[in-house]
Each structure stands twice: as C-alpha cells, then as structure tokens.
Amino acid sequence: MASIKCKSCGHDNPTEARFCANCGSKLTATEEKPAPAPTPGIEVATTRATVQYMGFWIRLAAAIIDGIIIWFISFVISTLFISRLIGLGYFLSPVSLWFPIILLYHWLFIGLKGQTLGKMSVGIRVTNAEGSAPGLAFALLRELPGKILATIPIYLGYLWIIWDGQKQGWHDKIANTYVVRVKSRR
C-alpha cells in the first residue's frame, strides 16, 4: 500500500491524506505521470497536492452570512410556528431561539459536510487531518466547548487565526480541524 511520509515527523500517512495524522503538518505528495518513453532533455512532470489554509477575514465573511441565515431561520420559526402554537403572539423573540439553532446548524453542517452555507458561499471547508469532514463527535467538540473557550478571553481564540501558521483558532486546535479552500470544479 502506498503512503506519504511526513517531512516533519516521518509518520506514514495514506496517499489521500492532506495533513499528517500524527503532527497535523501539511503533506505534499508527488504523483508521477508515466511517460510513454524516456526522451533525453525532457523531465517527467509531477503534480503537488497543496492545501491553502483560510485566514480570519474570509472566515468572518462566512460567519456573517451564516448569522444572517440563522437569524432568518429563527425569525421564521418563532413567528410562524412556536408563537402561533403557544398563543404568545410575537412575544417569543427570534433571539431566544438563536443558541439551539446556531448549535444545531453548525454541528450538523460541519460534522456531516464540513461546510455551512456561509462557508459554501465563500468556498472554504472545515476538514480533519485526513482532509475529510470532521464527523459529528469532533464537530460537537469544535462547536460547543471549543467556541466557548475561544470566546471567553475577549475573542482571543478567534483572533489566534491571524497569528497561527496553519490558521487554526482555539476551537480548531481543540478538535484538530483545519479550514481550507475548496478546490474549484472547473
């Protein structure tokens, strides 16, 4: 079975991995394309799998889009369904529904797909060390305790994205996730 050796720690990783499962470093692999016959003076072309980590501003843009979507969902649920069923009229605020909707929205989208609607719109994705969606357990770890801890010290855990080499916030470090650019399908 073919594998990619990490240049940082020497760990053998599957060929489809983008990040080292041991240390989290970015992996670069070369795939040799077979040449029909060796020709003097012409080298075999190689392609490199590279990952582009996404920084603070593009992630903030995705969060703003997600915030608008969550506000709209909360507004619709509170005005059309819950308020009418309970008979409270418009006394149940959309704000009172934000926390459970925010948690469910981010947990399910990130855990199952690796992208929320905001992240899809700006072309970024949350991945684990192997480059796939983190799964529901790690998404819950990232979204609940991870984001609470990132928020408590005056949002320092989010600002950490600016200084970190792999653009990870504290919530990413806790769940061992990375935010990367999605390959275009063109």
C-alpha atoms as a PDB file:
ATOM      1  CA  MET A   1       0.000   0.000   0.000  1.00  0.00           C
ATOM      2  CA  ALA A   2       1.383   3.401  -0.983  1.00  0.00           C
ATOM      3  CA  SER A   3       1.822   6.063   1.652  1.00  0.00           C
ATOM      4  CA  ILE A   4       3.092   9.604   2.085  1.00  0.00           C
ATOM      5  CA  LYS A   5       5.843  10.176   4.627  1.00  0.00           C
ATOM      6  CA  CYS A   6       5.511  13.374   6.678  1.00  0.00           C
ATOM      7  CA  LYS A   7       8.535  15.647   6.252  1.00  0.00           C
ATOM      8  CA  SER A   8       8.122  16.959   9.822  1.00  0.00           C
ATOM      9  CA  CYS A   9       7.789  13.795  11.914  1.00  0.00           C
ATOM     10  CA  GLY A  10       8.340  10.900   9.460  1.00  0.00           C
ATOM     11  CA  HIS A  11       4.896   9.341  10.041  1.00  0.00           C
ATOM     12  CA  ASP A  12       3.456   7.243   7.172  1.00  0.00           C
ATOM     13  CA  ASN A  13       0.066   8.573   6.035  1.00  0.00           C
ATOM     14  CA  PRO A  14      -2.458   7.337   3.444  1.00  0.00           C
ATOM     15  CA  THR A  15      -1.922   8.731  -0.055  1.00  0.00           C
ATOM     16  CA  GLU A  16      -5.219  10.654   0.060  1.00  0.00           C
ATOM     17  CA  ALA A  17      -4.319  12.479   3.320  1.00  0.00           C
ATOM     18  CA  ARG A  18      -3.723  16.221   3.155  1.00  0.00           C
ATOM     19  CA  PHE A  19      -2.414  16.543   6.716  1.00  0.00           C
ATOM     20  CA  CYS A  20      -0.230  14.286   8.860  1.00  0.00           C
ATOM     21  CA  ALA A  21      -2.344  12.185  11.233  1.00  0.00           C
ATOM     22  CA  ASN A  22       0.468  12.331  13.828  1.00  0.00           C
ATOM     23  CA  CYS A  23       1.544  16.004  13.912  1.00  0.00           C
ATOM     24  CA  GLY A  24      -1.016  17.797  11.697  1.00  0.00           C
ATOM     25  CA  SER A  25       1.581  19.200   9.281  1.00  0.00           C
ATOM     26  CA  LYS A  26       0.605  19.845   5.686  1.00  0.00           C
ATOM     27  CA  LEU A  27       1.562  16.965   3.416  1.00  0.00           C
ATOM     28  CA  THR A  28       2.804  17.376  -0.115  1.00  0.00           C
ATOM     29  CA  ALA A  29       2.787  14.404  -2.381  1.00  0.00           C
ATOM     30  CA  THR A  30       4.058  13.964  -5.862  1.00  0.00           C
ATOM     31  CA  GLU A  31       2.336  11.755  -8.328  1.00  0.00           C
ATOM     32  CA  GLU A  32       4.474  10.762 -11.229  1.00  0.00           C
ATOM     33  CA  LYS A  33       2.710  10.644 -14.551  1.00  0.00           C
ATOM     34  CA  PRO A  34       4.067   7.822 -16.660  1.00  0.00           C
ATOM     35  CA  ALA A  35       5.831   8.906 -19.804  1.00  0.00           C
ATOM     36  CA  PRO A  36       5.484   6.802 -22.935  1.00  0.00           C
ATOM     37  CA  ALA A  37       9.237   6.594 -23.379  1.00  0.00           C
ATOM     38  CA  PRO A  38      12.111   8.478 -21.779  1.00  0.00           C
ATOM     39  CA  THR A  39      13.241  11.282 -24.040  1.00  0.00           C
ATOM     40  CA  PRO A  40      16.586  12.962 -23.493  1.00  0.00           C
ATOM     41  CA  GLY A  41      16.231  16.507 -22.170  1.00  0.00           C
ATOM     42  CA  ILE A  42      12.560  16.161 -21.121  1.00  0.00           C
ATOM     43  CA  GLU A  43      11.666  15.603 -17.472  1.00  0.00           C
ATOM     44  CA  VAL A  44       8.624  13.751 -16.189  1.00  0.00           C
ATOM     45  CA  ALA A  45       6.002  16.217 -14.941  1.00  0.00           C
ATOM     46  CA  THR A  46       4.814  15.947 -11.351  1.00  0.00           C
ATOM     47  CA  THR A  47       1.841  17.488  -9.604  1.00  0.00           C
ATOM     48  CA  ARG A  48       1.814  18.553  -5.975  1.00  0.00           C
ATOM     49  CA  ALA A  49      -1.184  18.385  -3.702  1.00  0.00           C
ATOM     50  CA  THR A  50      -1.107  21.613  -1.739  1.00  0.00           C
ATOM     51  CA  VAL A  51      -3.509  22.936   0.852  1.00  0.00           C
ATOM     52  CA  GLN A  52      -4.320  26.583   1.315  1.00  0.00           C
ATOM     53  CA  TYR A  53      -5.343  27.437   4.891  1.00  0.00           C
ATOM     54  CA  MET A  54      -8.009  30.097   5.193  1.00  0.00           C
ATOM     55  CA  GLY A  55      -7.489  33.103   7.418  1.00  0.00           C
ATOM     56  CA  PHE A  56      -9.537  35.340   9.645  1.00  0.00           C
ATOM     57  CA  TRP A  57     -11.303  37.666   7.177  1.00  0.00           C
ATOM     58  CA  ILE A  58     -12.756  35.047   4.825  1.00  0.00           C
ATOM     59  CA  ARG A  59     -13.922  33.052   7.839  1.00  0.00           C
ATOM     60  CA  LEU A  60     -15.532  36.193   9.277  1.00  0.00           C
ATOM     61  CA  ALA A  61     -17.365  36.747   5.957  1.00  0.00           C
ATOM     62  CA  ALA A  62     -18.696  33.168   6.129  1.00  0.00           C
ATOM     63  CA  ALA A  63     -19.768  33.732   9.761  1.00  0.00           C
ATOM     64  CA  ILE A  64     -21.676  36.897   8.797  1.00  0.00           C
ATOM     65  CA  ILE A  65     -23.517  35.014   6.039  1.00  0.00           C
ATOM     66  CA  ASP A  66     -24.283  32.195   8.492  1.00  0.00           C
ATOM     67  CA  GLY A  67     -25.524  34.750  11.036  1.00  0.00           C
ATOM     68  CA  ILE A  68     -27.992  36.197   8.529  1.00  0.00           C
ATOM     69  CA  ILE A  69     -29.238  32.703   7.639  1.00  0.00           C
ATOM     70  CA  ILE A  70     -29.610  31.744  11.318  1.00  0.00           C
ATOM     71  CA  TRP A  71     -31.460  34.988  12.095  1.00  0.00           C
ATOM     72  CA  PHE A  72     -33.875  34.308   9.229  1.00  0.00           C
ATOM     73  CA  ILE A  73     -34.470  30.707  10.365  1.00  0.00           C
ATOM     74  CA  SER A  74     -35.047  31.880  13.962  1.00  0.00           C
ATOM     75  CA  PHE A  75     -37.442  34.580  12.814  1.00  0.00           C
ATOM     76  CA  VAL A  76     -39.475  32.192  10.675  1.00  0.00           C
ATOM     77  CA  ILE A  77     -39.655  29.522  13.380  1.00  0.00           C
ATOM     78  CA  SER A  78     -40.621  31.962  16.120  1.00  0.00           C
ATOM     79  CA  THR A  79     -43.229  33.924  14.183  1.00  0.00           C
ATOM     80  CA  LEU A  80     -44.854  31.208  12.113  1.00  0.00           C
ATOM     81  CA  PHE A  81     -44.730  28.164  14.322  1.00  0.00           C
ATOM     82  CA  ILE A  82     -43.923  28.484  18.013  1.00  0.00           C
ATOM     83  CA  SER A  83     -45.577  31.844  18.712  1.00  0.00           C
ATOM     84  CA  ARG A  84     -48.797  30.788  16.998  1.00  0.00           C
ATOM     85  CA  LEU A  85     -48.935  27.367  18.657  1.00  0.00           C
ATOM     86  CA  ILE A  86     -48.302  28.631  22.164  1.00  0.00           C
ATOM     87  CA  GLY A  87     -50.518  31.663  21.726  1.00  0.00           C
ATOM     88  CA  LEU A  88     -47.816  34.130  22.711  1.00  0.00           C
ATOM     89  CA  GLY A  89     -48.233  36.231  19.596  1.00  0.00           C
ATOM     90  CA  TYR A  90     -44.961  37.988  18.917  1.00  0.00           C
ATOM     91  CA  PHE A  91     -43.639  37.830  22.497  1.00  0.00           C
ATOM     92  CA  LEU A  92     -41.283  34.949  21.717  1.00  0.00           C
ATOM     93  CA  SER A  93     -38.234  36.621  20.263  1.00  0.00           C
ATOM     94  CA  PRO A  94     -36.135  35.118  17.458  1.00  0.00           C
ATOM     95  CA  VAL A  95     -33.145  35.840  19.698  1.00  0.00           C
ATOM     96  CA  SER A  96     -34.373  33.275  22.252  1.00  0.00           C
ATOM     97  CA  LEU A  97     -34.044  30.564  19.606  1.00  0.00           C
ATOM     98  CA  TRP A  98     -30.566  31.515  18.414  1.00  0.00           C
ATOM     99  CA  PHE A  99     -28.436  29.312  20.668  1.00  0.00           C
ATOM    100  CA  PRO A 100     -30.095  25.957  19.862  1.00  0.00           C
ATOM    101  CA  ILE A 101     -30.380  26.840  16.168  1.00  0.00           C
ATOM    102  CA  ILE A 102     -26.765  28.054  15.992  1.00  0.00           C
ATOM    103  CA  LEU A 103     -25.532  24.882  17.677  1.00  0.00           C
ATOM    104  CA  LEU A 104     -27.598  22.519  15.522  1.00  0.00           C
ATOM    105  CA  TYR A 105     -26.829  24.422  12.303  1.00  0.00           C
ATOM    106  CA  HIS A 106     -23.054  24.441  12.797  1.00  0.00           C
ATOM    107  CA  TRP A 107     -22.833  20.978  14.381  1.00  0.00           C
ATOM    108  CA  LEU A 108     -24.757  19.185  11.634  1.00  0.00           C
ATOM    109  CA  PHE A 109     -23.329  21.064   8.646  1.00  0.00           C
ATOM    110  CA  ILE A 110     -19.710  20.924   9.873  1.00  0.00           C
ATOM    111  CA  GLY A 111     -19.952  17.356  11.142  1.00  0.00           C
ATOM    112  CA  LEU A 112     -21.602  15.852   8.083  1.00  0.00           C
ATOM    113  CA  LYS A 113     -20.443  18.046   5.195  1.00  0.00           C
ATOM    114  CA  GLY A 114     -17.556  20.138   6.531  1.00  0.00           C
ATOM    115  CA  GLN A 115     -19.252  23.335   5.349  1.00  0.00           C
ATOM    116  CA  THR A 116     -22.053  25.586   6.497  1.00  0.00           C
ATOM    117  CA  LEU A 117     -23.994  27.547   3.888  1.00  0.00           C
ATOM    118  CA  GLY A 118     -21.784  30.580   4.591  1.00  0.00           C
ATOM    119  CA  LYS A 119     -18.602  28.540   4.117  1.00  0.00           C
ATOM    120  CA  MET A 120     -20.015  27.091   0.880  1.00  0.00           C
ATOM    121  CA  SER A 121     -20.688  30.573  -0.451  1.00  0.00           C
ATOM    122  CA  VAL A 122     -17.104  31.759   0.130  1.00  0.00           C
ATOM    123  CA  GLY A 123     -15.501  28.466  -0.961  1.00  0.00           C
ATOM    124  CA  ILE A 124     -13.969  27.184   2.285  1.00  0.00           C
ATOM    125  CA  ARG A 125     -14.309  23.920   4.187  1.00  0.00           C
ATOM    126  CA  VAL A 126     -13.552  22.504   7.652  1.00  0.00           C
ATOM    127  CA  THR A 127     -11.519  19.294   7.440  1.00  0.00           C
ATOM    128  CA  ASN A 128      -9.837  16.855   9.772  1.00  0.00           C
ATOM    129  CA  ALA A 129      -6.180  15.815   9.385  1.00  0.00           C
ATOM    130  CA  GLU A 130      -7.085  13.415   6.566  1.00  0.00           C
ATOM    131  CA  GLY A 131      -8.884  16.125   4.575  1.00  0.00           C
ATOM    132  CA  SER A 132     -12.457  14.877   5.083  1.00  0.00           C
ATOM    133  CA  ALA A 133     -15.397  16.236   7.096  1.00  0.00           C
ATOM    134  CA  PRO A 134     -14.621  16.055  10.823  1.00  0.00           C
ATOM    135  CA  GLY A 135     -17.632  13.926  11.816  1.00  0.00           C
ATOM    136  CA  LEU A 136     -20.317  14.679  14.376  1.00  0.00           C
ATOM    137  CA  ALA A 137     -18.216  13.991  17.503  1.00  0.00           C
ATOM    138  CA  PHE A 138     -15.367  16.324  16.548  1.00  0.00           C
ATOM    139  CA  ALA A 139     -17.797  18.908  15.176  1.00  0.00           C
ATOM    140  CA  LEU A 140     -19.596  18.976  18.523  1.00  0.00           C
ATOM    141  CA  LEU A 141     -16.261  19.329  20.324  1.00  0.00           C
ATOM    142  CA  ARG A 142     -15.309  22.183  17.970  1.00  0.00           C
ATOM    143  CA  GLU A 143     -18.658  23.992  18.131  1.00  0.00           C
ATOM    144  CA  LEU A 144     -19.586  23.784  21.808  1.00  0.00           C
ATOM    145  CA  PRO A 145     -16.635  23.781  24.230  1.00  0.00           C
ATOM    146  CA  GLY A 146     -14.166  24.896  21.546  1.00  0.00           C
ATOM    147  CA  LYS A 147     -16.017  28.049  20.546  1.00  0.00           C
ATOM    148  CA  ILE A 148     -16.998  28.868  24.136  1.00  0.00           C
ATOM    149  CA  LEU A 149     -13.323  28.739  25.172  1.00  0.00           C
ATOM    150  CA  ALA A 150     -12.333  30.774  22.097  1.00  0.00           C
ATOM    151  CA  THR A 151     -14.898  33.453  23.032  1.00  0.00           C
ATOM    152  CA  ILE A 152     -14.304  33.847  26.784  1.00  0.00           C
ATOM    153  CA  PRO A 153     -10.993  35.777  26.726  1.00  0.00           C
ATOM    154  CA  ILE A 154     -12.308  38.661  24.592  1.00  0.00           C
ATOM    155  CA  TYR A 155     -12.444  36.533  21.406  1.00  0.00           C
ATOM    156  CA  LEU A 156      -8.709  35.813  21.592  1.00  0.00           C
ATOM    157  CA  GLY A 157      -9.309  32.241  20.423  1.00  0.00           C
ATOM    158  CA  TYR A 158     -10.729  33.565  17.145  1.00  0.00           C
ATOM    159  CA  LEU A 159      -8.048  36.231  16.730  1.00  0.00           C
ATOM    160  CA  TRP A 160      -5.479  33.436  17.131  1.00  0.00           C
ATOM    161  CA  ILE A 161      -6.265  32.542  13.499  1.00  0.00           C
ATOM    162  CA  ILE A 162      -4.356  35.672  12.434  1.00  0.00           C
ATOM    163  CA  TRP A 163      -1.076  34.586  14.086  1.00  0.00           C
ATOM    164  CA  ASP A 164      -1.216  30.806  13.755  1.00  0.00           C
ATOM    165  CA  GLY A 165       0.863  29.189  10.992  1.00  0.00           C
ATOM    166  CA  GLN A 166      -1.935  26.822   9.991  1.00  0.00           C
ATOM    167  CA  LYS A 167      -4.651  29.469  10.558  1.00  0.00           C
ATOM    168  CA  GLN A 168      -6.241  27.477  13.401  1.00  0.00           C
ATOM    169  CA  GLY A 169      -8.355  29.114  16.080  1.00  0.00           C
ATOM    170  CA  TRP A 170      -8.527  27.556  19.525  1.00  0.00           C
ATOM    171  CA  HIS A 171     -11.709  25.725  18.546  1.00  0.00           C
ATOM    172  CA  ASP A 172      -9.824  24.211  15.571  1.00  0.00           C
ATOM    173  CA  LYS A 173      -6.912  23.168  17.756  1.00  0.00           C
ATOM    174  CA  ILE A 174      -9.230  21.525  20.306  1.00  0.00           C
ATOM    175  CA  ALA A 175     -10.952  19.425  17.611  1.00  0.00           C
ATOM    176  CA  ASN A 176      -7.847  19.039  15.384  1.00  0.00           C
ATOM    177  CA  THR A 177      -9.595  20.653  12.403  1.00  0.00           C
ATOM    178  CA  TYR A 178      -8.378  22.944   9.629  1.00  0.00           C
ATOM    179  CA  VAL A 179     -10.196  25.418   7.428  1.00  0.00           C
ATOM    180  CA  VAL A 180      -9.033  25.130   3.816  1.00  0.00           C
ATOM    181  CA  ARG A 181     -10.008  26.407   0.383  1.00  0.00           C
ATOM    182  CA  VAL A 182     -12.317  24.135  -1.586  1.00  0.00           C
ATOM    183  CA  LYS A 183     -10.978  23.045  -4.954  1.00  0.00           C
ATOM    184  CA  SER A 184     -12.895  24.550  -7.819  1.00  0.00           C
ATOM    185  CA  ARG A 185     -14.595  22.009 -10.042  1.00  0.00           C
ATOM    186  CA  ARG A 186     -13.660  23.690 -13.311  1.00  0.00           C
END
